[in-house]
Protein backbone atom coordinates (compact mmCIF):
# COMPACT_ATOMS: atom_id res chain seq x y z
CA UNK A 1 65.82 94.07 24.04
CA UNK A 2 63.57 91.55 23.80
CA UNK A 3 59.70 91.23 24.23
CA UNK A 4 59.64 89.66 27.55
CA UNK A 5 62.89 92.08 29.20
CA UNK A 6 60.07 94.95 28.31
CA UNK A 7 57.29 93.25 29.99
CA UNK A 8 59.59 92.26 33.18
CA UNK A 9 60.30 96.27 32.98
CA UNK A 10 57.09 97.50 32.94
CA UNK A 11 55.72 94.99 35.16
CA UNK A 12 58.23 95.54 37.82
CA UNK A 13 57.29 99.71 37.13
CA UNK A 14 53.91 99.10 37.85
CA UNK A 15 54.76 97.28 41.38
CA UNK A 16 57.46 100.09 42.61
CA UNK A 17 54.78 102.72 41.60
CA UNK A 18 52.20 101.20 44.18
CA UNK A 19 54.18 101.13 47.04
CA UNK A 20 53.22 103.57 49.68
CA UNK A 21 56.34 106.13 50.12
CA UNK A 22 57.33 105.66 46.30
CA UNK A 23 57.31 109.26 44.67
CA UNK A 24 58.47 108.27 41.30
CA UNK A 25 61.15 105.84 39.46
CA UNK A 26 64.70 107.89 38.70
CA UNK A 27 66.13 107.48 35.79
CA UNK A 28 69.56 106.02 35.06
CA UNK A 29 72.50 108.29 33.75
CA UNK A 30 71.18 106.69 30.29
CA UNK A 31 68.10 107.85 30.13
CA UNK A 32 69.47 111.52 31.15
CA UNK A 33 71.50 111.21 28.30
CA UNK A 34 69.24 109.99 25.79
CA UNK A 35 66.82 112.71 26.91
CA UNK A 36 69.72 115.43 25.90
CA UNK A 37 70.55 113.66 22.70
CA UNK A 38 67.54 112.10 21.09
CA UNK A 39 70.14 110.00 18.88
CA UNK A 40 72.01 109.29 21.82
CA UNK A 41 74.08 106.11 20.54
CA UNK A 42 73.68 104.55 24.47
CA UNK A 43 69.80 104.64 23.58
CA UNK A 44 68.02 100.88 22.95
CA UNK A 45 65.18 100.13 21.64
CA UNK A 46 62.13 99.58 24.07
CA UNK A 47 64.32 100.78 26.85
CA UNK A 48 61.74 103.54 27.96
CA UNK A 49 61.63 102.60 31.73
CA UNK A 50 63.36 104.76 34.46
CA UNK A 51 64.78 103.67 37.01
CA UNK A 52 64.98 99.51 36.82
CA UNK A 53 68.04 98.21 35.55
CA UNK A 54 67.43 94.28 34.53
CA UNK A 55 70.95 92.05 34.10
CA UNK A 56 71.78 88.64 33.08
CA UNK A 57 73.22 86.67 35.47
CA UNK A 58 76.93 86.51 34.00
CA UNK A 59 77.82 82.90 35.58
CA UNK A 60 81.35 84.66 37.24
CA UNK A 61 81.64 84.57 41.20
CA UNK A 62 79.35 83.56 43.63
CA UNK A 63 75.73 83.36 42.33
CA UNK A 64 74.51 82.91 39.10
CA UNK A 65 71.12 85.58 39.73
CA UNK A 66 69.37 87.74 37.48
CA UNK A 67 70.29 91.24 38.98
CA UNK A 68 66.86 93.76 39.49
CA UNK A 69 68.45 97.13 39.80
CA UNK A 70 65.30 100.05 41.40
CA UNK A 71 66.44 104.10 41.93
CA UNK A 72 64.07 105.70 43.06
CA UNK A 73 62.87 109.26 44.94
CA UNK A 74 61.08 108.68 48.15
CA UNK A 75 58.45 110.45 50.25
CA UNK A 76 59.54 113.34 52.66
CA UNK A 77 56.48 112.17 54.40
CA UNK A 78 57.48 108.12 54.71
CA UNK A 79 60.40 106.69 55.95
CA UNK A 80 63.42 106.28 53.03
CA UNK A 81 64.36 102.56 54.58
CA UNK A 82 60.31 102.05 55.30
CA UNK A 83 59.95 102.35 51.40
CA UNK A 84 63.01 100.76 50.75
CA UNK A 85 62.21 97.38 52.71
CA UNK A 86 58.67 97.87 51.62
CA UNK A 87 59.66 98.22 47.81
CA UNK A 88 62.04 94.77 48.13
CA UNK A 89 59.60 93.00 49.47
CA UNK A 90 56.86 93.87 47.05
CA UNK A 91 59.46 93.23 44.19
CA UNK A 92 60.50 89.73 45.82
CA UNK A 93 57.07 88.76 46.06
CA UNK A 94 56.11 89.97 42.44
CA UNK A 95 59.46 88.04 40.59
CA UNK A 96 58.65 84.47 42.80
CA UNK A 97 55.34 84.50 41.80
CA UNK A 98 56.04 85.71 38.50
CA UNK A 99 59.08 83.77 37.43
CA UNK A 100 59.40 80.55 40.03
CA UNK A 101 62.53 79.13 39.82
CA UNK A 102 64.36 82.56 39.04
CA UNK A 103 67.12 83.49 41.33
CA UNK A 104 66.83 86.70 41.88
CA UNK A 105 68.53 89.90 43.86
CA UNK A 106 67.01 92.61 44.26
CA UNK A 107 68.96 96.26 44.91
CA UNK A 108 67.22 98.91 45.67
CA UNK A 109 68.65 102.62 45.70
CA UNK A 110 66.47 105.61 47.09
CA UNK A 111 68.61 108.57 44.86
CA UNK A 112 66.23 111.61 46.38
CA UNK A 113 63.09 112.26 48.43
CA UNK A 114 60.64 114.84 47.65
């Protein structure tokens, strides 16, 4: 992962954590496996931002957008739908401001409520 990708992950993590209703980012399968076994072949250097995956455009299909996937746990005192929408809007605003001209597909998944 490049330094700019590390920076993007960090920035997005900060943006998501600031949204009311977000309890925390949920670790993905890669992070969980790495936690079980520190020498996991799935571990990538610099990939220490749980809950956020950024995939470069594949060039296939109808879109050539960069995909940003966010997995999070919501707070129980807020509606998950409202939190999901707020996260998507905050991430979209951040990406269009920091990376003008880029095309992004944002996917927000709530994996639990606490």
